[in-house]
């Protein structure tokens, strides 16, 4: 499987990953970089795609769990 971090505002690919965990980490990192460069209230909407399609329910739940674990410190960022 190939996970793609897709910029939904500009319609481009930000990065490509082999696991959903690395895609979630990239999404968080990209968000921090945008805020650092353009101010705390700025953002660029992104979406993680699996083989070019939206994540199914199980993958979405997994991605949210990974994001929660990273943000709470249970997984090292």
PDB file of N, CA and C in Angstrom:
ATOM      1  N   UNK A   1       0.839  -1.187   0.000  1.00  0.00           N
ATOM      2  CA  UNK A   1       0.000   0.000   0.000  1.00  0.00           C
ATOM      3  C   UNK A   1       0.878   1.242   0.000  1.00  0.00           C
ATOM      4  N   UNK A   2       0.401   2.264  -0.642  1.00  0.00           N
ATOM      5  CA  UNK A   2       1.094   3.538  -0.706  1.00  0.00           C
ATOM      6  C   UNK A   2       0.168   4.604  -0.117  1.00  0.00           C
ATOM      7  N   UNK A   3       0.646   5.289   0.914  1.00  0.00           N
ATOM      8  CA  UNK A   3      -0.125   6.343   1.564  1.00  0.00           C
ATOM      9  C   UNK A   3       0.416   7.691   1.110  1.00  0.00           C
ATOM     10  N   UNK A   4      -0.480   8.540   0.642  1.00  0.00           N
ATOM     11  CA  UNK A   4      -0.111   9.838   0.095  1.00  0.00           C
ATOM     12  C   UNK A   4      -0.711  10.937   0.953  1.00  0.00           C
ATOM     13  N   UNK A   5       0.117  11.914   1.326  1.00  0.00           N
ATOM     14  CA  UNK A   5      -0.385  13.108   1.997  1.00  0.00           C
ATOM     15  C   UNK A   5      -0.719  14.107   0.897  1.00  0.00           C
ATOM     16  N   UNK A   6      -1.994  14.410   0.756  1.00  0.00           N
ATOM     17  CA  UNK A   6      -2.506  15.226  -0.351  1.00  0.00           C
ATOM     18  C   UNK A   6      -2.950  16.589   0.156  1.00  0.00           C
ATOM     19  N   UNK A   7      -2.492  17.640  -0.481  1.00  0.00           N
ATOM     20  CA  UNK A   7      -2.889  19.010  -0.185  1.00  0.00           C
ATOM     21  C   UNK A   7      -4.214  19.269  -0.901  1.00  0.00           C
ATOM     22  N   UNK A   8      -5.305  19.367  -0.151  1.00  0.00           N
ATOM     23  CA  UNK A   8      -6.623  19.527  -0.772  1.00  0.00           C
ATOM     24  C   UNK A   8      -6.879  20.961  -1.221  1.00  0.00           C
ATOM     25  N   UNK A   9      -6.108  21.925  -0.721  1.00  0.00           N
ATOM     26  CA  UNK A   9      -6.298  23.321  -1.122  1.00  0.00           C
ATOM     27  C   UNK A   9      -5.663  23.593  -2.483  1.00  0.00           C
ATOM     28  N   UNK A  10      -4.417  23.160  -2.652  1.00  0.00           N
ATOM     29  CA  UNK A  10      -3.693  23.395  -3.907  1.00  0.00           C
ATOM     30  C   UNK A  10      -3.775  22.213  -4.870  1.00  0.00           C
ATOM     31  N   UNK A  11      -4.297  21.084  -4.397  1.00  0.00           N
ATOM     32  CA  UNK A  11      -4.475  19.927  -5.263  1.00  0.00           C
ATOM     33  C   UNK A  11      -3.201  19.177  -5.589  1.00  0.00           C
ATOM     34  N   UNK A  12      -2.205  19.249  -4.711  1.00  0.00           N
ATOM     35  CA  UNK A  12      -0.941  18.572  -4.991  1.00  0.00           C
ATOM     36  C   UNK A  12      -0.588  17.527  -3.951  1.00  0.00           C
ATOM     37  N   UNK A  13       0.427  16.745  -4.263  1.00  0.00           N
ATOM     38  CA  UNK A  13       0.935  15.744  -3.336  1.00  0.00           C
ATOM     39  C   UNK A  13       2.041  16.366  -2.497  1.00  0.00           C
ATOM     40  N   UNK A  14       1.924  16.229  -1.175  1.00  0.00           N
ATOM     41  CA  UNK A  14       2.943  16.732  -0.268  1.00  0.00           C
ATOM     42  C   UNK A  14       4.040  15.697  -0.102  1.00  0.00           C
ATOM     43  N   UNK A  15       3.639  14.430   0.151  1.00  0.00           N
ATOM     44  CA  UNK A  15       4.616  13.361   0.337  1.00  0.00           C
ATOM     45  C   UNK A  15       3.946  12.001   0.173  1.00  0.00           C
ATOM     46  N   UNK A  16       4.779  10.970   0.002  1.00  0.00           N
ATOM     47  CA  UNK A  16       4.304   9.594  -0.177  1.00  0.00           C
ATOM     48  C   UNK A  16       5.001   8.718   0.869  1.00  0.00           C
ATOM     49  N   UNK A  17       4.240   7.774   1.453  1.00  0.00           N
ATOM     50  CA  UNK A  17       4.752   6.956   2.552  1.00  0.00           C
ATOM     51  C   UNK A  17       4.333   5.501   2.400  1.00  0.00           C
ATOM     52  N   UNK A  18       5.095   4.618   3.060  1.00  0.00           N
ATOM     53  CA  UNK A  18       4.793   3.185   3.006  1.00  0.00           C
ATOM     54  C   UNK A  18       3.879   2.729   4.140  1.00  0.00           C
ATOM     55  N   UNK A  19       3.739   3.537   5.202  1.00  0.00           N
ATOM     56  CA  UNK A  19       2.855   3.153   6.303  1.00  0.00           C
ATOM     57  C   UNK A  19       1.960   4.318   6.690  1.00  0.00           C
ATOM     58  N   UNK A  20       0.847   3.985   7.306  1.00  0.00           N
ATOM     59  CA  UNK A  20      -0.086   5.021   7.724  1.00  0.00           C
ATOM     60  C   UNK A  20       0.520   5.850   8.852  1.00  0.00           C
ATOM     61  N   UNK A  21       1.347   5.228   9.691  1.00  0.00           N
ATOM     62  CA  UNK A  21       1.981   5.964  10.790  1.00  0.00           C
ATOM     63  C   UNK A  21       2.891   7.072  10.269  1.00  0.00           C
ATOM     64  N   UNK A  22       3.704   6.770   9.270  1.00  0.00           N
ATOM     65  CA  UNK A  22       4.591   7.807   8.742  1.00  0.00           C
ATOM     66  C   UNK A  22       3.805   8.903   8.020  1.00  0.00           C
ATOM     67  N   UNK A  23       2.682   8.544   7.414  1.00  0.00           N
ATOM     68  CA  UNK A  23       1.835   9.556   6.770  1.00  0.00           C
ATOM     69  C   UNK A  23       1.222  10.487   7.815  1.00  0.00           C
ATOM     70  N   UNK A  24       0.784   9.932   8.943  1.00  0.00           N
ATOM     71  CA  UNK A  24       0.227  10.758  10.023  1.00  0.00           C
ATOM     72  C   UNK A  24       1.309  11.669  10.591  1.00  0.00           C
ATOM     73  N   UNK A  25       2.501  11.126  10.808  1.00  0.00           N
ATOM     74  CA  UNK A  25       3.616  11.947  11.310  1.00  0.00           C
ATOM     75  C   UNK A  25       3.932  13.083  10.332  1.00  0.00           C
ATOM     76  N   UNK A  26       3.912  12.791   9.047  1.00  0.00           N
ATOM     77  CA  UNK A  26       4.174  13.815   8.036  1.00  0.00           C
ATOM     78  C   UNK A  26       3.082  14.881   8.043  1.00  0.00           C
ATOM     79  N   UNK A  27       1.844  14.462   8.242  1.00  0.00           N
ATOM     80  CA  UNK A  27       0.735  15.405   8.286  1.00  0.00           C
ATOM     81  C   UNK A  27       0.897  16.368   9.468  1.00  0.00           C
ATOM     82  N   UNK A  28       1.256  15.835  10.631  1.00  0.00           N
ATOM     83  CA  UNK A  28       1.468  16.677  11.801  1.00  0.00           C
ATOM     84  C   UNK A  28       2.667  17.606  11.602  1.00  0.00           C
ATOM     85  N   UNK A  29       3.728  17.075  11.034  1.00  0.00           N
ATOM     86  CA  UNK A  29       4.921  17.867  10.777  1.00  0.00           C
ATOM     87  C   UNK A  29       4.642  18.989   9.773  1.00  0.00           C
ATOM     88  N   UNK A  30       3.905  18.677   8.733  1.00  0.00           N
ATOM     89  CA  UNK A  30       3.543  19.670   7.715  1.00  0.00           C
ATOM     90  C   UNK A  30       2.700  20.778   8.347  1.00  0.00           C
ATOM     91  N   UNK A  31       1.765  20.405   9.189  1.00  0.00           N
ATOM     92  CA  UNK A  31       0.919  21.381   9.863  1.00  0.00           C
ATOM     93  C   UNK A  31       1.752  22.317  10.743  1.00  0.00           C
ATOM     94  N   UNK A  32       2.702  21.752  11.495  1.00  0.00           N
ATOM     95  CA  UNK A  32       3.576  22.581  12.338  1.00  0.00           C
ATOM     96  C   UNK A  32       4.418  23.538  11.481  1.00  0.00           C
ATOM     97  N   UNK A  33       4.930  23.054  10.353  1.00  0.00           N
ATOM     98  CA  UNK A  33       5.761  23.883   9.478  1.00  0.00           C
ATOM     99  C   UNK A  33       4.964  25.049   8.894  1.00  0.00           C
ATOM    100  N   UNK A  34       3.728  24.799   8.509  1.00  0.00           N
ATOM    101  CA  UNK A  34       2.873  25.860   7.961  1.00  0.00           C
ATOM    102  C   UNK A  34       2.611  26.916   9.027  1.00  0.00           C
ATOM    103  N   UNK A  35       2.305  26.477  10.248  1.00  0.00           N
ATOM    104  CA  UNK A  35       2.055  27.420  11.339  1.00  0.00           C
ATOM    105  C   UNK A  35       3.310  28.221  11.676  1.00  0.00           C
ATOM    106  N   UNK A  36       4.449  27.572  11.677  1.00  0.00           N
ATOM    107  CA  UNK A  36       5.714  28.245  11.984  1.00  0.00           C
ATOM    108  C   UNK A  36       6.038  29.305  10.915  1.00  0.00           C
ATOM    109  N   UNK A  37       5.779  28.996   9.663  1.00  0.00           N
ATOM    110  CA  UNK A  37       6.115  29.906   8.574  1.00  0.00           C
ATOM    111  C   UNK A  37       5.116  31.049   8.398  1.00  0.00           C
ATOM    112  N   UNK A  38       3.836  30.792   8.711  1.00  0.00           N
ATOM    113  CA  UNK A  38       2.791  31.760   8.365  1.00  0.00           C
ATOM    114  C   UNK A  38       1.952  32.255   9.532  1.00  0.00           C
ATOM    115  N   UNK A  39       2.256  31.837  10.746  1.00  0.00           N
ATOM    116  CA  UNK A  39       1.480  32.277  11.903  1.00  0.00           C
ATOM    117  C   UNK A  39       0.635  31.163  12.482  1.00  0.00           C
ATOM    118  N   UNK A  40       0.339  31.293  13.762  1.00  0.00           N
ATOM    119  CA  UNK A  40      -0.337  30.245  14.522  1.00  0.00           C
ATOM    120  C   UNK A  40      -1.718  29.873  13.975  1.00  0.00           C
ATOM    121  N   UNK A  41      -2.426  30.815  13.369  1.00  0.00           N
ATOM    122  CA  UNK A  41      -3.790  30.548  12.902  1.00  0.00           C
ATOM    123  C   UNK A  41      -3.862  30.085  11.444  1.00  0.00           C
ATOM    124  N   UNK A  42      -2.713  29.864  10.811  1.00  0.00           N
ATOM    125  CA  UNK A  42      -2.726  29.452   9.409  1.00  0.00           C
ATOM    126  C   UNK A  42      -2.729  27.928   9.286  1.00  0.00           C
ATOM    127  N   UNK A  43      -3.261  27.443   8.184  1.00  0.00           N
ATOM    128  CA  UNK A  43      -3.273  26.002   7.922  1.00  0.00           C
ATOM    129  C   UNK A  43      -3.480  25.756   6.437  1.00  0.00           C
ATOM    130  N   UNK A  44      -3.075  24.572   6.021  1.00  0.00           N
ATOM    131  CA  UNK A  44      -3.365  24.087   4.681  1.00  0.00           C
ATOM    132  C   UNK A  44      -4.056  22.740   4.873  1.00  0.00           C
ATOM    133  N   UNK A  45      -5.293  22.608   4.406  1.00  0.00           N
ATOM    134  CA  UNK A  45      -6.004  21.343   4.609  1.00  0.00           C
ATOM    135  C   UNK A  45      -5.351  20.202   3.825  1.00  0.00           C
ATOM    136  N   UNK A  46      -5.151  19.086   4.510  1.00  0.00           N
ATOM    137  CA  UNK A  46      -4.552  17.912   3.874  1.00  0.00           C
ATOM    138  C   UNK A  46      -5.412  16.687   4.146  1.00  0.00           C
ATOM    139  N   UNK A  47      -5.190  15.666   3.339  1.00  0.00           N
ATOM    140  CA  UNK A  47      -5.916  14.402   3.490  1.00  0.00           C
ATOM    141  C   UNK A  47      -4.933  13.284   3.181  1.00  0.00           C
ATOM    142  N   UNK A  48      -5.036  12.193   3.929  1.00  0.00           N
ATOM    143  CA  UNK A  48      -4.218  11.018   3.660  1.00  0.00           C
ATOM    144  C   UNK A  48      -5.006  10.093   2.741  1.00  0.00           C
ATOM    145  N   UNK A  49      -4.377   9.698   1.638  1.00  0.00           N
ATOM    146  CA  UNK A  49      -4.997   8.783   0.686  1.00  0.00           C
ATOM    147  C   UNK A  49      -4.243   7.459   0.701  1.00  0.00           C
ATOM    148  N   UNK A  50      -4.957   6.384   0.463  1.00  0.00           N
ATOM    149  CA  UNK A  50      -4.351   5.056   0.362  1.00  0.00           C
ATOM    150  C   UNK A  50      -4.520   4.578  -1.075  1.00  0.00           C
ATOM    151  N   UNK A  51      -3.406   4.437  -1.771  1.00  0.00           N
ATOM    152  CA  UNK A  51      -3.422   4.052  -3.184  1.00  0.00           C
ATOM    153  C   UNK A  51      -4.344   4.962  -4.004  1.00  0.00           C
ATOM    154  N   UNK A  52      -4.315   6.261  -3.686  1.00  0.00           N
ATOM    155  CA  UNK A  52      -5.076   7.250  -4.432  1.00  0.00           C
ATOM    156  C   UNK A  52      -6.531   7.387  -4.041  1.00  0.00           C
ATOM    157  N   UNK A  53      -6.983   6.636  -3.031  1.00  0.00           N
ATOM    158  CA  UNK A  53      -8.384   6.696  -2.609  1.00  0.00           C
ATOM    159  C   UNK A  53      -8.456   7.113  -1.151  1.00  0.00           C
ATOM    160  N   UNK A  54      -9.607   7.648  -0.749  1.00  0.00           N
ATOM    161  CA  UNK A  54      -9.802   8.036   0.649  1.00  0.00           C
ATOM    162  C   UNK A  54      -9.660   6.819   1.558  1.00  0.00           C
ATOM    163  N   UNK A  55      -9.229   7.053   2.795  1.00  0.00           N
ATOM    164  CA  UNK A  55      -9.080   5.965   3.754  1.00  0.00           C
ATOM    165  C   UNK A  55     -10.438   5.354   4.077  1.00  0.00           C
ATOM    166  N   UNK A  56     -10.465   4.026   4.248  1.00  0.00           N
ATOM    167  CA  UNK A  56     -11.715   3.399   4.677  1.00  0.00           C
ATOM    168  C   UNK A  56     -11.868   3.628   6.185  1.00  0.00           C
ATOM    169  N   UNK A  57     -12.974   3.168   6.762  1.00  0.00           N
ATOM    170  CA  UNK A  57     -13.266   3.429   8.172  1.00  0.00           C
ATOM    171  C   UNK A  57     -12.192   2.877   9.096  1.00  0.00           C
ATOM    172  N   UNK A  58     -11.711   1.667   8.829  1.00  0.00           N
ATOM    173  CA  UNK A  58     -10.685   1.070   9.688  1.00  0.00           C
ATOM    174  C   UNK A  58      -9.373   1.848   9.610  1.00  0.00           C
ATOM    175  N   UNK A  59      -8.988   2.253   8.425  1.00  0.00           N
ATOM    176  CA  UNK A  59      -7.757   3.019   8.262  1.00  0.00           C
ATOM    177  C   UNK A  59      -7.883   4.400   8.906  1.00  0.00           C
ATOM    178  N   UNK A  60      -9.049   5.013   8.773  1.00  0.00           N
ATOM    179  CA  UNK A  60      -9.285   6.321   9.376  1.00  0.00           C
ATOM    180  C   UNK A  60      -9.205   6.228  10.895  1.00  0.00           C
ATOM    181  N   UNK A  61      -9.801   5.191  11.457  1.00  0.00           N
ATOM    182  CA  UNK A  61      -9.759   4.987  12.903  1.00  0.00           C
ATOM    183  C   UNK A  61      -8.323   4.748  13.366  1.00  0.00           C
ATOM    184  N   UNK A  62      -7.573   3.993  12.599  1.00  0.00           N
ATOM    185  CA  UNK A  62      -6.173   3.742  12.911  1.00  0.00           C
ATOM    186  C   UNK A  62      -5.364   5.036  12.867  1.00  0.00           C
ATOM    187  N   UNK A  63      -5.596   5.862  11.861  1.00  0.00           N
ATOM    188  CA  UNK A  63      -4.882   7.131  11.729  1.00  0.00           C
ATOM    189  C   UNK A  63      -5.189   8.058  12.902  1.00  0.00           C
ATOM    190  N   UNK A  64      -6.450   8.111  13.312  1.00  0.00           N
ATOM    191  CA  UNK A  64      -6.819   8.949  14.453  1.00  0.00           C
ATOM    192  C   UNK A  64      -6.180   8.439  15.739  1.00  0.00           C
ATOM    193  N   UNK A  65      -6.117   7.123  15.895  1.00  0.00           N
ATOM    194  CA  UNK A  65      -5.466   6.534  17.067  1.00  0.00           C
ATOM    195  C   UNK A  65      -3.980   6.853  17.102  1.00  0.00           C
ATOM    196  N   UNK A  66      -3.321   6.781  15.963  1.00  0.00           N
ATOM    197  CA  UNK A  66      -1.898   7.104  15.875  1.00  0.00           C
ATOM    198  C   UNK A  66      -1.683   8.578  16.189  1.00  0.00           C
ATOM    199  N   UNK A  67      -2.527   9.443  15.629  1.00  0.00           N
ATOM    200  CA  UNK A  67      -2.401  10.880  15.888  1.00  0.00           C
ATOM    201  C   UNK A  67      -2.582  11.164  17.374  1.00  0.00           C
ATOM    202  N   UNK A  68      -3.562  10.552  18.007  1.00  0.00           N
ATOM    203  CA  UNK A  68      -3.790  10.745  19.443  1.00  0.00           C
ATOM    204  C   UNK A  68      -2.575  10.278  20.238  1.00  0.00           C
ATOM    205  N   UNK A  69      -2.023   9.122  19.876  1.00  0.00           N
ATOM    206  CA  UNK A  69      -0.872   8.588  20.603  1.00  0.00           C
ATOM    207  C   UNK A  69       0.351   9.496  20.469  1.00  0.00           C
ATOM    208  N   UNK A  70       0.555  10.079  19.305  1.00  0.00           N
ATOM    209  CA  UNK A  70       1.679  10.996  19.107  1.00  0.00           C
ATOM    210  C   UNK A  70       1.470  12.269  19.919  1.00  0.00           C
ATOM    211  N   UNK A  71       0.273  12.827  19.851  1.00  0.00           N
ATOM    212  CA  UNK A  71      -0.016  14.094  20.541  1.00  0.00           C
ATOM    213  C   UNK A  71       0.006  13.961  22.048  1.00  0.00           C
ATOM    214  N   UNK A  72      -0.324  12.799  22.591  1.00  0.00           N
ATOM    215  CA  UNK A  72      -0.312  12.611  24.038  1.00  0.00           C
ATOM    216  C   UNK A  72       1.025  12.092  24.549  1.00  0.00           C
ATOM    217  N   UNK A  73       1.946  11.842  23.647  1.00  0.00           N
ATOM    218  CA  UNK A  73       3.271  11.403  24.058  1.00  0.00           C
ATOM    219  C   UNK A  73       3.425   9.910  24.211  1.00  0.00           C
ATOM    220  N   UNK A  74       2.414   9.147  23.863  1.00  0.00           N
ATOM    221  CA  UNK A  74       2.517   7.686  23.974  1.00  0.00           C
ATOM    222  C   UNK A  74       3.393   7.119  22.858  1.00  0.00           C
ATOM    223  N   UNK A  75       3.438   7.784  21.719  1.00  0.00           N
ATOM    224  CA  UNK A  75       4.370   7.465  20.646  1.00  0.00           C
ATOM    225  C   UNK A  75       5.326   8.636  20.514  1.00  0.00           C
ATOM    226  N   UNK A  76       6.565   8.353  20.328  1.00  0.00           N
ATOM    227  CA  UNK A  76       7.558   9.409  20.204  1.00  0.00           C
ATOM    228  C   UNK A  76       7.391  10.121  18.845  1.00  0.00           C
ATOM    229  N   UNK A  77       7.339  11.427  18.883  1.00  0.00           N
ATOM    230  CA  UNK A  77       7.164  12.219  17.647  1.00  0.00           C
ATOM    231  C   UNK A  77       8.410  12.387  16.887  1.00  0.00           C
TER     232      UNK A  77
END
